[in-house]
Amino acid sequence: MEKGQLEAIDLIINVLRDHEKSLDNLLDRLDTLTEALSTILARIEYYYEKIETPAQ
């Protein structure tokens, strides 16, 4: 292989590594957001049930 071809392959590999890091970061953030939304939904459902069935 020529030096230019190896440099091009190296550049592509580095770009893909950076892209992978970005995707991993986004997946972690999405996981955190999903957990937070799940907690909020559980709280809303709890309070909704309390409103729908008041203590007698």
Protein backbone atom coordinates (compact mmCIF):
# COMPACT_ATOMS: atom_id res chain seq x y z
CA MET A 1 0.00 0.00 0.00
CA GLU A 2 1.09 3.53 -0.60
CA LYS A 3 1.65 6.02 2.18
CA GLY A 4 -1.35 8.11 1.05
CA GLN A 5 -3.64 5.10 1.18
CA LEU A 6 -2.47 4.20 4.68
CA GLU A 7 -3.03 7.78 5.84
CA ALA A 8 -6.54 7.74 4.38
CA ILE A 9 -7.35 4.48 6.16
CA ASP A 10 -5.89 5.87 9.40
CA LEU A 11 -8.05 8.98 9.06
CA ILE A 12 -11.18 6.89 8.47
CA ILE A 13 -10.41 4.72 11.50
CA ASN A 14 -9.90 7.78 13.71
CA VAL A 15 -13.16 9.35 12.52
CA LEU A 16 -15.00 6.10 13.23
CA ARG A 17 -13.50 5.92 16.74
CA ASP A 18 -14.61 9.48 17.46
CA HIS A 19 -18.05 8.68 16.11
CA GLU A 20 -18.24 5.60 18.32
CA LYS A 21 -17.35 7.68 21.39
CA SER A 22 -20.07 10.19 20.51
CA LEU A 23 -22.64 7.43 20.09
CA ASP A 24 -21.65 5.86 23.41
CA ASN A 25 -22.07 9.23 25.11
CA LEU A 26 -25.47 9.74 23.51
CA LEU A 27 -26.61 6.26 24.53
CA ASP A 28 -25.56 6.91 28.13
CA ARG A 29 -27.48 10.18 28.15
CA LEU A 30 -30.52 8.50 26.60
CA ASP A 31 -30.40 5.78 29.26
CA THR A 32 -30.31 8.41 32.00
CA LEU A 33 -33.20 10.30 30.42
CA THR A 34 -35.25 7.11 30.07
CA GLU A 35 -34.72 6.29 33.75
CA ALA A 36 -35.74 9.81 34.77
CA LEU A 37 -38.88 9.69 32.61
CA SER A 38 -39.78 6.30 34.03
CA THR A 39 -39.51 7.67 37.57
CA ILE A 40 -41.63 10.70 36.67
CA LEU A 41 -44.26 8.48 35.06
CA ALA A 42 -44.44 6.26 38.15
CA ARG A 43 -44.95 9.33 40.36
CA ILE A 44 -47.64 10.73 38.08
CA GLU A 45 -49.46 7.39 38.08
CA TYR A 46 -49.25 7.25 41.89
CA TYR A 47 -50.73 10.72 42.33
CA TYR A 48 -53.36 10.10 39.65
CA GLU A 49 -54.54 7.01 41.51
CA LYS A 50 -54.71 8.98 44.76
CA ILE A 51 -56.87 11.60 43.04
CA GLU A 52 -59.12 9.03 41.37
CA THR A 53 -59.69 7.03 44.56
CA PRO A 54 -59.78 9.50 47.46
CA ALA A 55 -59.63 8.15 51.00
CA GLN A 56 -63.03 7.55 52.51
